[in-house]
Amino acid sequence: RLKGFRPGKVPAAHVKKMFGKSIMGEVVEAAMKESSEKA
């Protein structure tokens, strides 16, 4: 829910611009956990 956009209609490009780094941080953390457990 972001100001200026209808609920659920925020463009992916805008999400990446606003929150990309923190989302990628979560992805990296999950990837490290999963890959270490798999190893």
ModelCIF file with pLDDT and N, C-alpha, C, O atoms, coordinates in Angstrom:
data_MODEL
#
_entry.id   MODEL 
#
_entity.id                         1 
_entity.type                       polymer 
_entity.pdbx_number_of_molecules   1 
#
_entity_poly.entity_id                      1 
_entity_poly.type                           'polypeptide(L)' 
_entity_poly.nstd_linkage                   no 
_entity_poly.nstd_monomer                   no 
_entity_poly.pdbx_seq_one_letter_code       RLKGFRPGKVPAAHVKKMFGKSIMGEVVEAAMKESSEKA 
_entity_poly.pdbx_seq_one_letter_code_can   RLKGFRPGKVPAAHVKKMFGKSIMGEVVEAAMKESSEKA 
_entity_poly.pdbx_strand_id                 A 
#
loop_
_entity_poly_seq.entity_id 
_entity_poly_seq.num 
_entity_poly_seq.mon_id 
_entity_poly_seq.hetero 
1 1  ARG n 
1 2  LEU n 
1 3  LYS n 
1 4  GLY n 
1 5  PHE n 
1 6  ARG n 
1 7  PRO n 
1 8  GLY n 
1 9  LYS n 
1 10 VAL n 
1 11 PRO n 
1 12 ALA n 
1 13 ALA n 
1 14 HIS n 
1 15 VAL n 
1 16 LYS n 
1 17 LYS n 
1 18 MET n 
1 19 PHE n 
1 20 GLY n 
1 21 LYS n 
1 22 SER n 
1 23 ILE n 
1 24 MET n 
1 25 GLY n 
1 26 GLU n 
1 27 VAL n 
1 28 VAL n 
1 29 GLU n 
1 30 ALA n 
1 31 ALA n 
1 32 MET n 
1 33 LYS n 
1 34 GLU n 
1 35 SER n 
1 36 SER n 
1 37 GLU n 
1 38 LYS n 
1 39 ALA n 
#
_struct_asym.id          A 
_struct_asym.entity_id   1 
#
loop_
_ma_qa_metric.id 
_ma_qa_metric.mode 
_ma_qa_metric.name 
_ma_qa_metric.software_group_id 
_ma_qa_metric.type 
1 global pLDDT . pLDDT 
2 local  pLDDT . pLDDT 
#
_ma_qa_metric_global.metric_id      1 
_ma_qa_metric_global.metric_value   83.13 
_ma_qa_metric_global.model_id       1 
_ma_qa_metric_global.ordinal_id     1 
#
loop_
_ma_qa_metric_local.label_asym_id 
_ma_qa_metric_local.label_comp_id 
_ma_qa_metric_local.label_seq_id 
_ma_qa_metric_local.metric_id 
_ma_qa_metric_local.metric_value 
_ma_qa_metric_local.model_id 
_ma_qa_metric_local.ordinal_id 
A ARG 1  2 74.00 1 1  
A LEU 2  2 75.00 1 2  
A LYS 3  2 74.00 1 3  
A GLY 4  2 70.00 1 4  
A PHE 5  2 76.00 1 5  
A ARG 6  2 71.00 1 6  
A PRO 7  2 72.00 1 7  
A GLY 8  2 68.00 1 8  
A LYS 9  2 73.00 1 9  
A VAL 10 2 76.00 1 10 
A PRO 11 2 78.00 1 11 
A ALA 12 2 79.00 1 12 
A ALA 13 2 80.00 1 13 
A HIS 14 2 77.00 1 14 
A VAL 15 2 74.00 1 15 
A LYS 16 2 79.00 1 16 
A LYS 17 2 80.00 1 17 
A MET 18 2 78.00 1 18 
A PHE 19 2 81.00 1 19 
A GLY 20 2 80.00 1 20 
A LYS 21 2 85.00 1 21 
A SER 22 2 89.00 1 22 
A ILE 23 2 90.00 1 23 
A MET 24 2 91.00 1 24 
A GLY 25 2 90.00 1 25 
A GLU 26 2 91.00 1 26 
A VAL 27 2 91.00 1 27 
A VAL 28 2 91.00 1 28 
A GLU 29 2 91.00 1 29 
A ALA 30 2 93.00 1 30 
A ALA 31 2 93.00 1 31 
A MET 32 2 93.00 1 32 
A LYS 33 2 91.00 1 33 
A GLU 34 2 92.00 1 34 
A SER 35 2 92.00 1 35 
A SER 36 2 91.00 1 36 
A GLU 37 2 91.00 1 37 
A LYS 38 2 91.00 1 38 
A ALA 39 2 91.00 1 39 
#
loop_
_atom_site.group_PDB 
_atom_site.id 
_atom_site.type_symbol 
_atom_site.label_atom_id 
_atom_site.label_alt_id 
_atom_site.label_comp_id 
_atom_site.label_asym_id 
_atom_site.label_entity_id 
_atom_site.label_seq_id 
_atom_site.pdbx_PDB_ins_code 
_atom_site.Cartn_x 
_atom_site.Cartn_y 
_atom_site.Cartn_z 
_atom_site.occupancy 
_atom_site.B_iso_or_equiv 
_atom_site.pdbx_formal_charge 
_atom_site.auth_seq_id 
_atom_site.auth_comp_id 
_atom_site.auth_asym_id 
_atom_site.auth_atom_id 
_atom_site.pdbx_PDB_model_num 
ATOM 1   N N  . ARG A 1 1  ? 0.871  -1.177  0.000   1.00 74.00 ? 1  ARG A N  1 
ATOM 2   C CA . ARG A 1 1  ? 0.000  0.000   0.000   1.00 74.00 ? 1  ARG A CA 1 
ATOM 3   C C  . ARG A 1 1  ? 0.907  1.225   0.000   1.00 74.00 ? 1  ARG A C  1 
ATOM 4   O O  . ARG A 1 1  ? 1.504  1.560   1.023   1.00 74.00 ? 1  ARG A O  1 
ATOM 5   N N  . LEU A 1 2  ? 1.010  1.897   -1.153  1.00 75.00 ? 2  LEU A N  1 
ATOM 6   C CA . LEU A 1 2  ? 1.833  3.086   -1.252  1.00 75.00 ? 2  LEU A CA 1 
ATOM 7   C C  . LEU A 1 2  ? 0.996  4.251   -1.769  1.00 75.00 ? 2  LEU A C  1 
ATOM 8   O O  . LEU A 1 2  ? 0.125  4.088   -2.623  1.00 75.00 ? 2  LEU A O  1 
ATOM 9   N N  . LYS A 1 3  ? 1.283  5.419   -1.230  1.00 74.00 ? 3  LYS A N  1 
ATOM 10  C CA . LYS A 1 3  ? 0.559  6.613   -1.635  1.00 74.00 ? 3  LYS A CA 1 
ATOM 11  C C  . LYS A 1 3  ? 0.756  6.862   -3.139  1.00 74.00 ? 3  LYS A C  1 
ATOM 12  O O  . LYS A 1 3  ? 1.876  6.807   -3.647  1.00 74.00 ? 3  LYS A O  1 
ATOM 13  N N  . GLY A 1 4  ? -0.345 7.133   -3.832  1.00 70.00 ? 4  GLY A N  1 
ATOM 14  C CA . GLY A 1 4  ? -0.284 7.412   -5.260  1.00 70.00 ? 4  GLY A CA 1 
ATOM 15  C C  . GLY A 1 4  ? -0.563 6.210   -6.134  1.00 70.00 ? 4  GLY A C  1 
ATOM 16  O O  . GLY A 1 4  ? -0.642 6.333   -7.356  1.00 70.00 ? 4  GLY A O  1 
ATOM 17  N N  . PHE A 1 5  ? -0.716 5.020   -5.507  1.00 76.00 ? 5  PHE A N  1 
ATOM 18  C CA . PHE A 1 5  ? -0.992 3.798   -6.273  1.00 76.00 ? 5  PHE A CA 1 
ATOM 19  C C  . PHE A 1 5  ? -2.187 3.092   -5.663  1.00 76.00 ? 5  PHE A C  1 
ATOM 20  O O  . PHE A 1 5  ? -2.413 3.142   -4.454  1.00 76.00 ? 5  PHE A O  1 
ATOM 21  N N  . ARG A 1 6  ? -2.952 2.429   -6.529  1.00 71.00 ? 6  ARG A N  1 
ATOM 22  C CA . ARG A 1 6  ? -4.059 1.628   -6.025  1.00 71.00 ? 6  ARG A CA 1 
ATOM 23  C C  . ARG A 1 6  ? -3.505 0.427   -5.268  1.00 71.00 ? 6  ARG A C  1 
ATOM 24  O O  . ARG A 1 6  ? -2.439 -0.085  -5.608  1.00 71.00 ? 6  ARG A O  1 
ATOM 25  N N  . PRO A 1 7  ? -4.238 -0.033  -4.223  1.00 72.00 ? 7  PRO A N  1 
ATOM 26  C CA . PRO A 1 7  ? -3.758 -1.181  -3.447  1.00 72.00 ? 7  PRO A CA 1 
ATOM 27  C C  . PRO A 1 7  ? -3.429 -2.377  -4.353  1.00 72.00 ? 7  PRO A C  1 
ATOM 28  O O  . PRO A 1 7  ? -4.239 -2.793  -5.182  1.00 72.00 ? 7  PRO A O  1 
ATOM 29  N N  . GLY A 1 8  ? -2.214 -2.915  -4.166  1.00 68.00 ? 8  GLY A N  1 
ATOM 30  C CA . GLY A 1 8  ? -1.798 -4.091  -4.921  1.00 68.00 ? 8  GLY A CA 1 
ATOM 31  C C  . GLY A 1 8  ? -1.359 -3.805  -6.331  1.00 68.00 ? 8  GLY A C  1 
ATOM 32  O O  . GLY A 1 8  ? -1.044 -4.739  -7.069  1.00 68.00 ? 8  GLY A O  1 
ATOM 33  N N  . LYS A 1 9  ? -1.325 -2.522  -6.748  1.00 73.00 ? 9  LYS A N  1 
ATOM 34  C CA . LYS A 1 9  ? -0.975 -2.173  -8.130  1.00 73.00 ? 9  LYS A CA 1 
ATOM 35  C C  . LYS A 1 9  ? 0.324  -1.373  -8.217  1.00 73.00 ? 9  LYS A C  1 
ATOM 36  O O  . LYS A 1 9  ? 0.550  -0.673  -9.203  1.00 73.00 ? 9  LYS A O  1 
ATOM 37  N N  . VAL A 1 10 ? 1.167  -1.467  -7.212  1.00 76.00 ? 10 VAL A N  1 
ATOM 38  C CA . VAL A 1 10 ? 2.450  -0.766  -7.249  1.00 76.00 ? 10 VAL A CA 1 
ATOM 39  C C  . VAL A 1 10 ? 3.344  -1.449  -8.285  1.00 76.00 ? 10 VAL A C  1 
ATOM 40  O O  . VAL A 1 10 ? 3.549  -2.659  -8.191  1.00 76.00 ? 10 VAL A O  1 
ATOM 41  N N  . PRO A 1 11 ? 3.886  -0.719  -9.272  1.00 78.00 ? 11 PRO A N  1 
ATOM 42  C CA . PRO A 1 11 ? 4.738  -1.323  -10.294 1.00 78.00 ? 11 PRO A CA 1 
ATOM 43  C C  . PRO A 1 11 ? 5.989  -1.946  -9.690  1.00 78.00 ? 11 PRO A C  1 
ATOM 44  O O  . PRO A 1 11 ? 6.549  -1.424  -8.726  1.00 78.00 ? 11 PRO A O  1 
ATOM 45  N N  . ALA A 1 12 ? 6.425  -3.072  -10.266 1.00 79.00 ? 12 ALA A N  1 
ATOM 46  C CA . ALA A 1 12 ? 7.614  -3.754  -9.765  1.00 79.00 ? 12 ALA A CA 1 
ATOM 47  C C  . ALA A 1 12 ? 8.822  -2.836  -9.778  1.00 79.00 ? 12 ALA A C  1 
ATOM 48  O O  . ALA A 1 12 ? 9.641  -2.867  -8.859  1.00 79.00 ? 12 ALA A O  1 
ATOM 49  N N  . ALA A 1 13 ? 8.938  -2.008  -10.829 1.00 80.00 ? 13 ALA A N  1 
ATOM 50  C CA . ALA A 1 13 ? 10.085 -1.097  -10.930 1.00 80.00 ? 13 ALA A CA 1 
ATOM 51  C C  . ALA A 1 13 ? 10.116 -0.120  -9.758  1.00 80.00 ? 13 ALA A C  1 
ATOM 52  O O  . ALA A 1 13 ? 11.189 0.219   -9.258  1.00 80.00 ? 13 ALA A O  1 
ATOM 53  N N  . HIS A 1 14 ? 8.940  0.333   -9.319  1.00 77.00 ? 14 HIS A N  1 
ATOM 54  C CA . HIS A 1 14 ? 8.885  1.272   -8.201  1.00 77.00 ? 14 HIS A CA 1 
ATOM 55  C C  . HIS A 1 14 ? 9.242  0.571   -6.887  1.00 77.00 ? 14 HIS A C  1 
ATOM 56  O O  . HIS A 1 14 ? 9.917  1.146   -6.034  1.00 77.00 ? 14 HIS A O  1 
ATOM 57  N N  . VAL A 1 15 ? 8.790  -0.662  -6.734  1.00 74.00 ? 15 VAL A N  1 
ATOM 58  C CA . VAL A 1 15 ? 9.138  -1.446  -5.539  1.00 74.00 ? 15 VAL A CA 1 
ATOM 59  C C  . VAL A 1 15 ? 10.649 -1.631  -5.466  1.00 74.00 ? 15 VAL A C  1 
ATOM 60  O O  . VAL A 1 15 ? 11.254 -1.493  -4.403  1.00 74.00 ? 15 VAL A O  1 
ATOM 61  N N  . LYS A 1 16 ? 11.257 -1.951  -6.629  1.00 79.00 ? 16 LYS A N  1 
ATOM 62  C CA . LYS A 1 16 ? 12.713 -2.142  -6.655  1.00 79.00 ? 16 LYS A CA 1 
ATOM 63  C C  . LYS A 1 16 ? 13.444 -0.857  -6.280  1.00 79.00 ? 16 LYS A C  1 
ATOM 64  O O  . LYS A 1 16 ? 14.429 -0.877  -5.542  1.00 79.00 ? 16 LYS A O  1 
ATOM 65  N N  . LYS A 1 17 ? 12.941 0.257   -6.803  1.00 80.00 ? 17 LYS A N  1 
ATOM 66  C CA . LYS A 1 17 ? 13.579 1.536   -6.530  1.00 80.00 ? 17 LYS A CA 1 
ATOM 67  C C  . LYS A 1 17 ? 13.501 1.893   -5.053  1.00 80.00 ? 17 LYS A C  1 
ATOM 68  O O  . LYS A 1 17 ? 14.471 2.379   -4.472  1.00 80.00 ? 17 LYS A O  1 
ATOM 69  N N  . MET A 1 18 ? 12.339 1.647   -4.449  1.00 78.00 ? 18 MET A N  1 
ATOM 70  C CA . MET A 1 18 ? 12.110 2.044   -3.063  1.00 78.00 ? 18 MET A CA 1 
ATOM 71  C C  . MET A 1 18 ? 12.735 1.067   -2.056  1.00 78.00 ? 18 MET A C  1 
ATOM 72  O O  . MET A 1 18 ? 13.322 1.489   -1.059  1.00 78.00 ? 18 MET A O  1 
ATOM 73  N N  . PHE A 1 19 ? 12.604 -0.237  -2.322  1.00 81.00 ? 19 PHE A N  1 
ATOM 74  C CA . PHE A 1 19 ? 12.960 -1.248  -1.312  1.00 81.00 ? 19 PHE A CA 1 
ATOM 75  C C  . PHE A 1 19 ? 13.915 -2.316  -1.823  1.00 81.00 ? 19 PHE A C  1 
ATOM 76  O O  . PHE A 1 19 ? 14.150 -3.318  -1.147  1.00 81.00 ? 19 PHE A O  1 
ATOM 77  N N  . GLY A 1 20 ? 14.475 -2.102  -3.037  1.00 80.00 ? 20 GLY A N  1 
ATOM 78  C CA . GLY A 1 20 ? 15.274 -3.151  -3.671  1.00 80.00 ? 20 GLY A CA 1 
ATOM 79  C C  . GLY A 1 20 ? 16.408 -3.683  -2.831  1.00 80.00 ? 20 GLY A C  1 
ATOM 80  O O  . GLY A 1 20 ? 16.595 -4.895  -2.724  1.00 80.00 ? 20 GLY A O  1 
ATOM 81  N N  . LYS A 1 21 ? 17.182 -2.765  -2.222  1.00 85.00 ? 21 LYS A N  1 
ATOM 82  C CA . LYS A 1 21 ? 18.363 -3.201  -1.477  1.00 85.00 ? 21 LYS A CA 1 
ATOM 83  C C  . LYS A 1 21 ? 17.981 -4.048  -0.258  1.00 85.00 ? 21 LYS A C  1 
ATOM 84  O O  . LYS A 1 21 ? 18.610 -5.070  0.012   1.00 85.00 ? 21 LYS A O  1 
ATOM 85  N N  . SER A 1 22 ? 16.952 -3.621  0.473   1.00 89.00 ? 22 SER A N  1 
ATOM 86  C CA . SER A 1 22 ? 16.560 -4.377  1.665   1.00 89.00 ? 22 SER A CA 1 
ATOM 87  C C  . SER A 1 22 ? 15.957 -5.721  1.277   1.00 89.00 ? 22 SER A C  1 
ATOM 88  O O  . SER A 1 22 ? 16.171 -6.721  1.963   1.00 89.00 ? 22 SER A O  1 
ATOM 89  N N  . ILE A 1 23 ? 15.194 -5.750  0.163   1.00 90.00 ? 23 ILE A N  1 
ATOM 90  C CA . ILE A 1 23 ? 14.605 -7.020  -0.291  1.00 90.00 ? 23 ILE A CA 1 
ATOM 91  C C  . ILE A 1 23 ? 15.707 -7.970  -0.738  1.00 90.00 ? 23 ILE A C  1 
ATOM 92  O O  . ILE A 1 23 ? 15.669 -9.159  -0.424  1.00 90.00 ? 23 ILE A O  1 
ATOM 93  N N  . MET A 1 24 ? 16.701 -7.442  -1.479  1.00 91.00 ? 24 MET A N  1 
ATOM 94  C CA . MET A 1 24 ? 17.812 -8.301  -1.907  1.00 91.00 ? 24 MET A CA 1 
ATOM 95  C C  . MET A 1 24 ? 18.584 -8.805  -0.683  1.00 91.00 ? 24 MET A C  1 
ATOM 96  O O  . MET A 1 24 ? 19.078 -9.933  -0.685  1.00 91.00 ? 24 MET A O  1 
ATOM 97  N N  . GLY A 1 25 ? 18.690 -7.976  0.362   1.00 90.00 ? 25 GLY A N  1 
ATOM 98  C CA . GLY A 1 25 ? 19.340 -8.425  1.592   1.00 90.00 ? 25 GLY A CA 1 
ATOM 99  C C  . GLY A 1 25 ? 18.640 -9.637  2.186   1.00 90.00 ? 25 GLY A C  1 
ATOM 100 O O  . GLY A 1 25 ? 19.296 -10.581 2.626   1.00 90.00 ? 25 GLY A O  1 
ATOM 101 N N  . GLU A 1 26 ? 17.300 -9.616  2.199   1.00 91.00 ? 26 GLU A N  1 
ATOM 102 C CA . GLU A 1 26 ? 16.538 -10.762 2.689   1.00 91.00 ? 26 GLU A CA 1 
ATOM 103 C C  . GLU A 1 26 ? 16.761 -11.981 1.806   1.00 91.00 ? 26 GLU A C  1 
ATOM 104 O O  . GLU A 1 26 ? 16.877 -13.103 2.299   1.00 91.00 ? 26 GLU A O  1 
ATOM 105 N N  . VAL A 1 27 ? 16.822 -11.751 0.486   1.00 91.00 ? 27 VAL A N  1 
ATOM 106 C CA . VAL A 1 27 ? 17.040 -12.850 -0.457  1.00 91.00 ? 27 VAL A CA 1 
ATOM 107 C C  . VAL A 1 27 ? 18.409 -13.485 -0.226  1.00 91.00 ? 27 VAL A C  1 
ATOM 108 O O  . VAL A 1 27 ? 18.533 -14.710 -0.219  1.00 91.00 ? 27 VAL A O  1 
ATOM 109 N N  . VAL A 1 28 ? 19.442 -12.655 -0.035  1.00 91.00 ? 28 VAL A N  1 
ATOM 110 C CA . VAL A 1 28 ? 20.800 -13.168 0.188   1.00 91.00 ? 28 VAL A CA 1 
ATOM 111 C C  . VAL A 1 28 ? 20.866 -13.953 1.500   1.00 91.00 ? 28 VAL A C  1 
ATOM 112 O O  . VAL A 1 28 ? 21.461 -15.028 1.567   1.00 91.00 ? 28 VAL A O  1 
ATOM 113 N N  . GLU A 1 29 ? 20.244 -13.396 2.537   1.00 91.00 ? 29 GLU A N  1 
ATOM 114 C CA . GLU A 1 29 ? 20.241 -14.081 3.839   1.00 91.00 ? 29 GLU A CA 1 
ATOM 115 C C  . GLU A 1 29 ? 19.574 -15.448 3.734   1.00 91.00 ? 29 GLU A C  1 
ATOM 116 O O  . GLU A 1 29 ? 20.080 -16.436 4.266   1.00 91.00 ? 29 GLU A O  1 
ATOM 117 N N  . ALA A 1 30 ? 18.429 -15.498 3.042   1.00 93.00 ? 30 ALA A N  1 
ATOM 118 C CA . ALA A 1 30 ? 17.727 -16.778 2.865   1.00 93.00 ? 30 ALA A CA 1 
ATOM 119 C C  . ALA A 1 30 ? 18.554 -17.741 2.028   1.00 93.00 ? 30 ALA A C  1 
ATOM 120 O O  . ALA A 1 30 ? 18.588 -18.940 2.306   1.00 93.00 ? 30 ALA A O  1 
ATOM 121 N N  . ALA A 1 31 ? 19.229 -17.211 0.988   1.00 93.00 ? 31 ALA A N  1 
ATOM 122 C CA . ALA A 1 31 ? 20.043 -18.067 0.117   1.00 93.00 ? 31 ALA A CA 1 
ATOM 123 C C  . ALA A 1 31 ? 21.219 -18.668 0.882   1.00 93.00 ? 31 ALA A C  1 
ATOM 124 O O  . ALA A 1 31 ? 21.553 -19.836 0.685   1.00 93.00 ? 31 ALA A O  1 
ATOM 125 N N  . MET A 1 32 ? 21.846 -17.880 1.752   1.00 93.00 ? 32 MET A N  1 
ATOM 126 C CA . MET A 1 32 ? 22.957 -18.395 2.560   1.00 93.00 ? 32 MET A CA 1 
ATOM 127 C C  . MET A 1 32 ? 22.470 -19.488 3.506   1.00 93.00 ? 32 MET A C  1 
ATOM 128 O O  . MET A 1 32 ? 23.120 -20.522 3.658   1.00 93.00 ? 32 MET A O  1 
ATOM 129 N N  . LYS A 1 33 ? 21.340 -19.257 4.132   1.00 91.00 ? 33 LYS A N  1 
ATOM 130 C CA . LYS A 1 33 ? 20.793 -20.244 5.065   1.00 91.00 ? 33 LYS A CA 1 
ATOM 131 C C  . LYS A 1 33 ? 20.444 -21.543 4.340   1.00 91.00 ? 33 LYS A C  1 
ATOM 132 O O  . LYS A 1 33 ? 20.814 -22.629 4.788   1.00 91.00 ? 33 LYS A O  1 
ATOM 133 N N  . GLU A 1 34 ? 19.730 -21.426 3.219   1.00 92.00 ? 34 GLU A N  1 
ATOM 134 C CA . GLU A 1 34 ? 19.310 -22.626 2.481   1.00 92.00 ? 34 GLU A CA 1 
ATOM 135 C C  . GLU A 1 34 ? 20.499 -23.380 1.901   1.00 92.00 ? 34 GLU A C  1 
ATOM 136 O O  . GLU A 1 34 ? 20.564 -24.606 1.989   1.00 92.00 ? 34 GLU A O  1 
ATOM 137 N N  . SER A 1 35 ? 21.455 -22.635 1.298   1.00 92.00 ? 35 SER A N  1 
ATOM 138 C CA . SER A 1 35 ? 22.592 -23.305 0.663   1.00 92.00 ? 35 SER A CA 1 
ATOM 139 C C  . SER A 1 35 ? 23.507 -23.962 1.690   1.00 92.00 ? 35 SER A C  1 
ATOM 140 O O  . SER A 1 35 ? 24.063 -25.029 1.429   1.00 92.00 ? 35 SER A O  1 
ATOM 141 N N  . SER A 1 36 ? 23.670 -23.333 2.865   1.00 91.00 ? 36 SER A N  1 
ATOM 142 C CA . SER A 1 36 ? 24.502 -23.949 3.898   1.00 91.00 ? 36 SER A CA 1 
ATOM 143 C C  . SER A 1 36 ? 23.836 -25.208 4.445   1.00 91.00 ? 36 SER A C  1 
ATOM 144 O O  . SER A 1 36 ? 24.503 -26.215 4.682   1.00 91.00 ? 36 SER A O  1 
ATOM 145 N N  . GLU A 1 37 ? 22.514 -25.151 4.646   1.00 91.00 ? 37 GLU A N  1 
ATOM 146 C CA . GLU A 1 37 ? 21.783 -26.335 5.118   1.00 91.00 ? 37 GLU A CA 1 
ATOM 147 C C  . GLU A 1 37 ? 21.842 -27.452 4.086   1.00 91.00 ? 37 GLU A C  1 
ATOM 148 O O  . GLU A 1 37 ? 21.965 -28.625 4.439   1.00 91.00 ? 37 GLU A O  1 
ATOM 149 N N  . LYS A 1 38 ? 21.755 -27.087 2.807   1.00 91.00 ? 38 LYS A N  1 
ATOM 150 C CA . LYS A 1 38 ? 21.800 -28.101 1.736   1.00 91.00 ? 38 LYS A CA 1 
ATOM 151 C C  . LYS A 1 38 ? 23.181 -28.736 1.660   1.00 91.00 ? 38 LYS A C  1 
ATOM 152 O O  . LYS A 1 38 ? 23.306 -29.942 1.448   1.00 91.00 ? 38 LYS A O  1 
ATOM 153 N N  . ALA A 1 39 ? 24.232 -27.910 1.836   1.00 91.00 ? 39 ALA A N  1 
ATOM 154 C CA . ALA A 1 39 ? 25.599 -28.441 1.807   1.00 91.00 ? 39 ALA A CA 1 
ATOM 155 C C  . ALA A 1 39 ? 25.807 -29.475 2.901   1.00 91.00 ? 39 ALA A C  1 
ATOM 156 O O  . ALA A 1 39 ? 26.899 -30.030 3.027   1.00 91.00 ? 39 ALA A O  1 
#
